[in-house]
């Protein structure tokens, strides 16, 4: 077995080398930068129509929603709020989706799912809500 002896000189050299590394500090990426705007950002005036759903919801007119509304895209995130004035409690369903580079989007909301595509200044999509199905189209304002 080879013996290894730490001499005071060797210990001093090792401590000096360890001290050269400096403090590591905490590893913290810092606040996340806001994503950059996308070519799809803006507001789209849309029209929406009921295309299907549960008979009970349609029979009570719970699926009805204002025909004109706005879809907003900001920093690649789409948001769409849809009022239901005839449904009990008059709820507003909020849908969020992330835009893909090709203009397609898909996302979930408390009231279902949303999907579609932006092509140029036109938006088209579908909402599968709780008991109601919709299609919407619109143009950038």
N, C-alpha and C. Protein backbone atom coordinates (compact mmCIF):
# COMPACT_ATOMS: atom_id res chain seq x y z
N UNK A 1 0.85 -1.16 0.00
CA UNK A 1 0.00 0.00 0.00
C UNK A 1 0.89 1.22 0.00
N UNK A 2 0.53 2.15 -0.82
CA UNK A 2 1.31 3.37 -0.92
C UNK A 2 0.75 4.35 0.10
N UNK A 3 1.62 4.88 0.90
CA UNK A 3 1.17 5.82 1.91
C UNK A 3 1.13 7.23 1.33
N UNK A 4 0.22 8.00 1.79
CA UNK A 4 0.10 9.38 1.33
C UNK A 4 0.06 10.24 2.57
N UNK A 5 0.96 11.18 2.59
CA UNK A 5 1.05 12.04 3.75
C UNK A 5 0.78 13.47 3.35
N UNK A 6 -0.13 14.12 4.03
CA UNK A 6 -0.45 15.51 3.76
C UNK A 6 0.49 16.37 4.60
N UNK A 7 1.34 17.07 3.89
CA UNK A 7 2.27 17.96 4.59
C UNK A 7 1.62 19.32 4.73
N UNK A 8 2.13 20.16 5.63
CA UNK A 8 1.57 21.49 5.76
C UNK A 8 1.65 22.28 4.46
N UNK A 9 2.71 22.10 3.68
CA UNK A 9 2.86 22.81 2.40
C UNK A 9 1.78 22.34 1.41
N UNK A 10 1.55 21.02 1.32
CA UNK A 10 0.53 20.47 0.43
C UNK A 10 -0.86 20.94 0.86
N UNK A 11 -1.11 20.98 2.14
CA UNK A 11 -2.39 21.44 2.65
C UNK A 11 -2.62 22.91 2.28
N UNK A 12 -1.58 23.73 2.38
CA UNK A 12 -1.70 25.15 2.03
C UNK A 12 -2.00 25.32 0.55
N UNK A 13 -1.35 24.53 -0.32
CA UNK A 13 -1.60 24.60 -1.77
C UNK A 13 -3.03 24.17 -2.08
N UNK A 14 -3.51 23.10 -1.47
CA UNK A 14 -4.88 22.64 -1.71
C UNK A 14 -5.90 23.67 -1.26
N UNK A 15 -5.68 24.30 -0.12
CA UNK A 15 -6.60 25.32 0.36
C UNK A 15 -6.61 26.54 -0.54
N UNK A 16 -5.42 26.93 -1.06
CA UNK A 16 -5.37 28.07 -1.98
C UNK A 16 -6.14 27.76 -3.26
N UNK A 17 -6.00 26.55 -3.78
CA UNK A 17 -6.70 26.17 -5.01
C UNK A 17 -8.22 26.16 -4.78
N UNK A 18 -8.63 25.67 -3.65
CA UNK A 18 -10.06 25.64 -3.35
C UNK A 18 -10.61 27.04 -3.21
N UNK A 19 -9.83 27.95 -2.69
CA UNK A 19 -10.26 29.33 -2.52
C UNK A 19 -10.36 30.09 -3.83
N UNK A 20 -9.69 29.65 -4.88
CA UNK A 20 -9.71 30.34 -6.17
C UNK A 20 -11.06 30.20 -6.88
N UNK A 21 -11.80 29.18 -6.53
CA UNK A 21 -13.07 28.95 -7.22
C UNK A 21 -14.07 30.06 -6.92
N UNK A 22 -13.95 30.71 -5.79
CA UNK A 22 -14.88 31.78 -5.44
C UNK A 22 -16.18 31.19 -4.93
N UNK A 23 -17.03 32.03 -4.39
CA UNK A 23 -18.29 31.52 -3.85
C UNK A 23 -19.24 31.12 -4.97
N UNK A 24 -19.98 30.05 -4.75
CA UNK A 24 -20.94 29.58 -5.74
C UNK A 24 -22.21 30.42 -5.69
N UNK A 25 -22.59 30.90 -4.53
CA UNK A 25 -23.83 31.65 -4.43
C UNK A 25 -25.02 30.74 -4.67
N UNK A 26 -26.19 31.32 -4.73
CA UNK A 26 -27.39 30.53 -5.00
C UNK A 26 -27.63 30.50 -6.49
N UNK A 27 -28.08 29.38 -6.94
CA UNK A 27 -28.41 29.24 -8.36
C UNK A 27 -29.86 29.67 -8.52
N UNK A 28 -30.04 30.78 -9.18
CA UNK A 28 -31.37 31.35 -9.34
C UNK A 28 -31.46 31.93 -10.75
N UNK A 29 -32.36 31.42 -11.57
CA UNK A 29 -32.44 31.93 -12.93
C UNK A 29 -32.99 33.35 -13.01
N UNK A 30 -33.51 33.87 -11.91
CA UNK A 30 -34.07 35.21 -11.93
C UNK A 30 -35.48 35.18 -12.48
N UNK A 31 -36.09 36.34 -12.57
CA UNK A 31 -37.47 36.37 -13.07
C UNK A 31 -37.51 35.99 -14.54
N UNK A 32 -38.54 35.26 -14.88
CA UNK A 32 -38.70 34.84 -16.28
C UNK A 32 -39.06 36.05 -17.13
N UNK A 33 -38.39 36.15 -18.25
CA UNK A 33 -38.69 37.25 -19.18
C UNK A 33 -40.03 36.97 -19.87
N UNK A 34 -40.76 38.01 -20.12
CA UNK A 34 -42.03 37.85 -20.83
C UNK A 34 -41.74 37.35 -22.24
N UNK A 35 -42.56 36.43 -22.74
CA UNK A 35 -42.33 35.96 -24.10
C UNK A 35 -42.51 37.11 -25.09
N UNK A 36 -41.79 37.06 -26.18
CA UNK A 36 -41.90 38.15 -27.16
C UNK A 36 -43.26 38.10 -27.87
N UNK A 37 -43.69 39.24 -28.38
CA UNK A 37 -44.94 39.26 -29.14
C UNK A 37 -44.84 38.34 -30.37
N UNK A 38 -45.97 37.85 -30.82
CA UNK A 38 -45.97 37.00 -32.02
C UNK A 38 -46.72 37.72 -33.14
N UNK A 39 -46.60 37.18 -34.33
CA UNK A 39 -47.29 37.78 -35.48
C UNK A 39 -48.80 37.62 -35.36
N UNK A 40 -49.27 36.78 -34.43
CA UNK A 40 -50.70 36.55 -34.27
C UNK A 40 -51.31 37.47 -33.22
N UNK A 41 -50.49 38.22 -32.49
CA UNK A 41 -50.99 39.08 -31.42
C UNK A 41 -51.97 40.11 -31.96
N UNK A 42 -53.01 40.36 -31.19
CA UNK A 42 -54.02 41.35 -31.55
C UNK A 42 -55.39 40.90 -31.10
N UNK A 43 -56.39 41.66 -31.48
CA UNK A 43 -57.78 41.32 -31.17
C UNK A 43 -58.49 40.96 -32.46
N UNK A 44 -59.33 39.97 -32.37
CA UNK A 44 -60.09 39.49 -33.51
C UNK A 44 -61.58 39.60 -33.18
N UNK A 45 -62.32 40.36 -33.99
CA UNK A 45 -63.77 40.43 -33.81
C UNK A 45 -64.33 39.15 -34.41
N UNK A 46 -65.05 38.40 -33.59
CA UNK A 46 -65.52 37.10 -34.06
C UNK A 46 -67.02 36.97 -33.95
N UNK A 47 -67.54 36.07 -34.74
CA UNK A 47 -68.93 35.65 -34.62
C UNK A 47 -68.90 34.18 -34.22
N UNK A 48 -69.85 33.81 -33.40
CA UNK A 48 -69.88 32.44 -32.90
C UNK A 48 -71.29 31.88 -33.10
N UNK A 49 -71.35 30.59 -33.35
CA UNK A 49 -72.65 29.96 -33.51
C UNK A 49 -72.64 28.58 -32.86
N UNK A 50 -73.78 28.18 -32.35
CA UNK A 50 -73.95 26.86 -31.75
C UNK A 50 -74.05 25.84 -32.87
N UNK A 51 -73.27 24.77 -32.81
CA UNK A 51 -73.33 23.73 -33.84
C UNK A 51 -73.80 22.39 -33.29
N UNK A 52 -73.97 22.28 -31.98
CA UNK A 52 -74.42 21.02 -31.40
C UNK A 52 -74.33 21.06 -29.89
N UNK A 53 -74.68 19.95 -29.30
CA UNK A 53 -74.60 19.84 -27.84
C UNK A 53 -75.72 19.01 -27.29
N UNK A 54 -75.79 18.96 -25.99
CA UNK A 54 -76.81 18.18 -25.29
C UNK A 54 -78.20 18.77 -25.54
N UNK A 55 -79.14 17.90 -25.76
CA UNK A 55 -80.52 18.35 -26.04
C UNK A 55 -81.07 19.18 -24.89
N UNK A 56 -80.78 18.80 -23.66
CA UNK A 56 -81.30 19.54 -22.51
C UNK A 56 -80.75 20.96 -22.48
N UNK A 57 -79.48 21.13 -22.75
CA UNK A 57 -78.88 22.46 -22.75
C UNK A 57 -79.44 23.30 -23.89
N UNK A 58 -79.59 22.70 -25.06
CA UNK A 58 -80.12 23.45 -26.19
C UNK A 58 -81.61 23.77 -25.99
N UNK A 59 -82.35 22.83 -25.41
CA UNK A 59 -83.77 23.04 -25.19
C UNK A 59 -84.04 24.18 -24.21
N UNK A 60 -83.14 24.45 -23.31
CA UNK A 60 -83.29 25.54 -22.34
C UNK A 60 -82.62 26.83 -22.83
N UNK A 61 -82.06 26.81 -24.03
CA UNK A 61 -81.31 27.95 -24.59
C UNK A 61 -80.07 28.29 -23.76
N UNK A 62 -79.54 27.33 -23.00
CA UNK A 62 -78.36 27.57 -22.18
C UNK A 62 -77.11 27.76 -23.03
N UNK A 63 -77.13 27.25 -24.26
CA UNK A 63 -75.96 27.36 -25.13
C UNK A 63 -75.84 28.75 -25.76
N UNK A 64 -76.93 29.51 -25.74
CA UNK A 64 -76.88 30.83 -26.38
C UNK A 64 -75.82 31.71 -25.75
N UNK A 65 -75.11 32.45 -26.61
CA UNK A 65 -74.06 33.37 -26.19
C UNK A 65 -74.12 34.55 -27.16
N UNK A 66 -73.66 35.72 -26.74
CA UNK A 66 -73.67 36.85 -27.69
C UNK A 66 -72.96 36.47 -28.99
N UNK A 67 -73.58 36.80 -30.10
CA UNK A 67 -73.05 36.40 -31.41
C UNK A 67 -71.72 37.08 -31.74
N UNK A 68 -71.51 38.29 -31.25
CA UNK A 68 -70.27 39.03 -31.52
C UNK A 68 -69.44 39.07 -30.23
N UNK A 69 -68.18 38.77 -30.35
CA UNK A 69 -67.27 38.88 -29.22
C UNK A 69 -65.86 39.09 -29.76
N UNK A 70 -64.90 39.19 -28.86
CA UNK A 70 -63.52 39.40 -29.27
C UNK A 70 -62.64 38.30 -28.73
N UNK A 71 -61.76 37.82 -29.58
CA UNK A 71 -60.72 36.87 -29.20
C UNK A 71 -59.44 37.69 -29.12
N UNK A 72 -58.69 37.53 -28.04
CA UNK A 72 -57.46 38.29 -27.86
C UNK A 72 -56.26 37.36 -27.86
N UNK A 73 -55.20 37.76 -28.57
CA UNK A 73 -53.93 37.04 -28.55
C UNK A 73 -52.88 38.04 -28.10
N UNK A 74 -52.18 37.70 -27.02
CA UNK A 74 -51.13 38.55 -26.49
C UNK A 74 -49.93 37.69 -26.14
N UNK A 75 -48.79 38.00 -26.71
CA UNK A 75 -47.54 37.26 -26.48
C UNK A 75 -47.73 35.76 -26.71
N UNK A 76 -48.47 35.45 -27.77
CA UNK A 76 -48.65 34.06 -28.16
C UNK A 76 -49.67 33.29 -27.34
N UNK A 77 -50.40 33.98 -26.46
CA UNK A 77 -51.43 33.33 -25.63
C UNK A 77 -52.80 33.85 -26.03
N UNK A 78 -53.69 32.95 -26.41
CA UNK A 78 -55.04 33.30 -26.82
C UNK A 78 -55.97 33.24 -25.61
N UNK A 79 -56.89 34.19 -25.53
CA UNK A 79 -57.92 34.13 -24.50
C UNK A 79 -59.27 34.48 -25.11
N UNK A 80 -60.29 33.77 -24.67
CA UNK A 80 -61.64 33.95 -25.19
C UNK A 80 -62.60 33.77 -24.02
N UNK A 81 -63.36 34.80 -23.71
CA UNK A 81 -64.38 34.73 -22.67
C UNK A 81 -65.74 34.67 -23.34
N UNK A 82 -66.56 33.71 -22.93
CA UNK A 82 -67.85 33.49 -23.58
C UNK A 82 -68.95 33.49 -22.52
N UNK A 83 -69.84 34.46 -22.61
CA UNK A 83 -70.95 34.59 -21.66
C UNK A 83 -72.09 33.64 -22.02
N UNK A 84 -72.81 33.21 -21.00
CA UNK A 84 -73.99 32.36 -21.18
C UNK A 84 -75.15 33.00 -20.41
N UNK A 85 -75.80 34.01 -20.99
CA UNK A 85 -76.82 34.77 -20.26
C UNK A 85 -78.08 33.98 -19.92
N UNK A 86 -78.35 32.87 -20.60
CA UNK A 86 -79.56 32.10 -20.33
C UNK A 86 -79.32 30.90 -19.42
N UNK A 87 -78.08 30.59 -19.13
CA UNK A 87 -77.77 29.44 -18.27
C UNK A 87 -77.93 29.84 -16.80
N UNK A 88 -78.27 28.87 -15.94
CA UNK A 88 -78.41 29.19 -14.52
C UNK A 88 -77.11 29.80 -13.97
N UNK A 89 -77.22 30.91 -13.29
CA UNK A 89 -76.06 31.60 -12.74
C UNK A 89 -75.35 32.50 -13.73
N UNK A 90 -75.78 32.49 -14.98
CA UNK A 90 -75.19 33.33 -16.04
C UNK A 90 -73.66 33.25 -16.07
N UNK A 91 -73.10 32.04 -16.18
CA UNK A 91 -71.64 31.90 -16.13
C UNK A 91 -70.95 32.43 -17.38
N UNK A 92 -69.68 32.77 -17.23
CA UNK A 92 -68.83 33.13 -18.36
C UNK A 92 -67.71 32.10 -18.42
N UNK A 93 -67.62 31.38 -19.53
CA UNK A 93 -66.56 30.40 -19.71
C UNK A 93 -65.33 31.12 -20.25
N UNK A 94 -64.17 30.84 -19.67
CA UNK A 94 -62.92 31.44 -20.11
C UNK A 94 -62.03 30.36 -20.70
N UNK A 95 -61.58 30.57 -21.91
CA UNK A 95 -60.71 29.61 -22.59
C UNK A 95 -59.36 30.24 -22.85
N UNK A 96 -58.31 29.47 -22.64
CA UNK A 96 -56.93 29.90 -22.87
C UNK A 96 -56.29 28.88 -23.81
N UNK A 97 -55.43 29.37 -24.69
CA UNK A 97 -54.71 28.47 -25.60
C UNK A 97 -53.37 29.09 -25.94
N UNK A 98 -52.44 28.25 -26.31
CA UNK A 98 -51.12 28.70 -26.72
C UNK A 98 -51.02 28.61 -28.23
N UNK A 99 -50.52 29.67 -28.85
CA UNK A 99 -50.36 29.71 -30.30
C UNK A 99 -49.11 28.93 -30.70
N UNK A 100 -49.22 28.14 -31.75
CA UNK A 100 -48.06 27.47 -32.34
C UNK A 100 -47.51 28.35 -33.46
N UNK A 101 -46.31 28.06 -33.90
CA UNK A 101 -45.66 28.87 -34.93
C UNK A 101 -46.45 28.89 -36.24
N UNK A 102 -47.22 27.82 -36.51
CA UNK A 102 -48.00 27.76 -37.76
C UNK A 102 -49.37 28.44 -37.65
N UNK A 103 -49.68 29.03 -36.48
CA UNK A 103 -50.96 29.71 -36.30
C UNK A 103 -52.04 28.86 -35.67
N UNK A 104 -51.77 27.59 -35.47
CA UNK A 104 -52.76 26.74 -34.82
C UNK A 104 -52.74 26.99 -33.31
N UNK A 105 -53.84 26.70 -32.65
CA UNK A 105 -53.90 26.84 -31.20
C UNK A 105 -54.80 25.76 -30.62
N UNK A 106 -54.54 25.43 -29.38
CA UNK A 106 -55.35 24.45 -28.66
C UNK A 106 -55.16 24.71 -27.18
N UNK A 107 -56.25 24.54 -26.44
CA UNK A 107 -56.15 24.74 -25.00
C UNK A 107 -57.40 24.27 -24.30
N UNK A 108 -57.34 24.32 -22.98
CA UNK A 108 -58.45 23.88 -22.15
C UNK A 108 -58.93 25.03 -21.29
N UNK A 109 -60.18 24.98 -20.94
CA UNK A 109 -60.76 25.93 -20.01
C UNK A 109 -61.60 25.16 -19.01
N UNK A 110 -62.10 25.85 -18.02
CA UNK A 110 -62.95 25.19 -17.04
C UNK A 110 -64.19 24.64 -17.73
N UNK A 111 -64.63 25.31 -18.79
CA UNK A 111 -65.85 24.91 -19.48
C UNK A 111 -65.63 24.06 -20.72
N UNK A 112 -64.45 23.48 -20.94
CA UNK A 112 -64.23 22.63 -22.11
C UNK A 112 -62.91 22.92 -22.79
N UNK A 113 -62.88 22.74 -24.11
CA UNK A 113 -61.64 22.93 -24.87
C UNK A 113 -61.87 23.86 -26.05
N UNK A 114 -60.76 24.44 -26.52
CA UNK A 114 -60.80 25.35 -27.66
C UNK A 114 -59.66 24.96 -28.59
N UNK A 115 -59.91 25.06 -29.89
CA UNK A 115 -58.87 24.77 -30.88
C UNK A 115 -59.18 25.53 -32.16
N UNK A 116 -58.17 25.71 -32.98
CA UNK A 116 -58.39 26.41 -34.24
C UNK A 116 -57.10 26.87 -34.86
N UNK A 117 -57.21 27.91 -35.71
CA UNK A 117 -56.04 28.38 -36.46
C UNK A 117 -56.24 29.83 -36.85
N UNK A 118 -55.13 30.56 -36.87
CA UNK A 118 -55.10 31.91 -37.43
C UNK A 118 -54.35 31.81 -38.75
N UNK A 119 -54.96 32.31 -39.81
CA UNK A 119 -54.33 32.36 -41.13
C UNK A 119 -54.42 33.80 -41.61
N UNK A 120 -53.27 34.45 -41.72
CA UNK A 120 -53.27 35.86 -42.09
C UNK A 120 -53.97 36.67 -41.01
N UNK A 121 -55.03 37.36 -41.38
CA UNK A 121 -55.77 38.17 -40.40
C UNK A 121 -57.08 37.50 -39.99
N UNK A 122 -57.25 36.23 -40.35
CA UNK A 122 -58.52 35.51 -40.07
C UNK A 122 -58.29 34.44 -39.01
N UNK A 123 -59.25 34.32 -38.11
CA UNK A 123 -59.22 33.28 -37.08
C UNK A 123 -60.45 32.39 -37.24
N UNK A 124 -60.26 31.10 -37.05
CA UNK A 124 -61.35 30.13 -37.09
C UNK A 124 -61.11 29.13 -35.97
N UNK A 125 -62.19 28.68 -35.34
CA UNK A 125 -61.99 27.72 -34.27
C UNK A 125 -63.25 27.02 -33.85
N UNK A 126 -63.07 26.15 -32.87
CA UNK A 126 -64.15 25.33 -32.33
C UNK A 126 -64.00 25.29 -30.82
N UNK A 127 -65.14 25.34 -30.14
CA UNK A 127 -65.17 25.21 -28.70
C UNK A 127 -66.07 24.03 -28.36
N UNK A 128 -65.53 23.08 -27.63
CA UNK A 128 -66.33 21.98 -27.10
C UNK A 128 -66.57 22.29 -25.64
N UNK A 129 -67.73 22.86 -25.36
CA UNK A 129 -68.04 23.29 -24.01
C UNK A 129 -68.80 22.24 -23.23
N UNK A 130 -69.23 22.63 -22.04
CA UNK A 130 -70.00 21.73 -21.19
C UNK A 130 -71.42 21.65 -21.72
N UNK A 131 -71.67 20.66 -22.55
CA UNK A 131 -73.00 20.46 -23.11
C UNK A 131 -73.28 21.21 -24.39
N UNK A 132 -72.35 22.07 -24.84
CA UNK A 132 -72.58 22.87 -26.04
C UNK A 132 -71.33 22.88 -26.92
N UNK A 133 -71.53 22.86 -28.23
CA UNK A 133 -70.42 22.90 -29.18
C UNK A 133 -70.61 24.13 -30.06
N UNK A 134 -69.52 24.87 -30.29
CA UNK A 134 -69.57 26.11 -31.05
C UNK A 134 -68.50 26.14 -32.12
N UNK A 135 -68.73 26.93 -33.14
CA UNK A 135 -67.72 27.29 -34.13
C UNK A 135 -67.67 28.80 -34.19
N UNK A 136 -66.45 29.35 -34.33
CA UNK A 136 -66.33 30.79 -34.44
C UNK A 136 -65.36 31.16 -35.56
N UNK A 137 -65.60 32.32 -36.14
CA UNK A 137 -64.72 32.87 -37.16
C UNK A 137 -64.60 34.37 -36.90
N UNK A 138 -63.52 34.96 -37.38
CA UNK A 138 -63.37 36.39 -37.17
C UNK A 138 -62.18 36.95 -37.93
N UNK A 139 -62.06 38.26 -37.86
CA UNK A 139 -60.97 38.97 -38.51
C UNK A 139 -60.30 39.90 -37.51
N UNK A 140 -59.00 40.14 -37.73
CA UNK A 140 -58.25 41.04 -36.86
C UNK A 140 -58.83 42.44 -36.95
N UNK A 141 -58.96 43.08 -35.80
CA UNK A 141 -59.50 44.44 -35.75
C UNK A 141 -58.38 45.45 -36.01
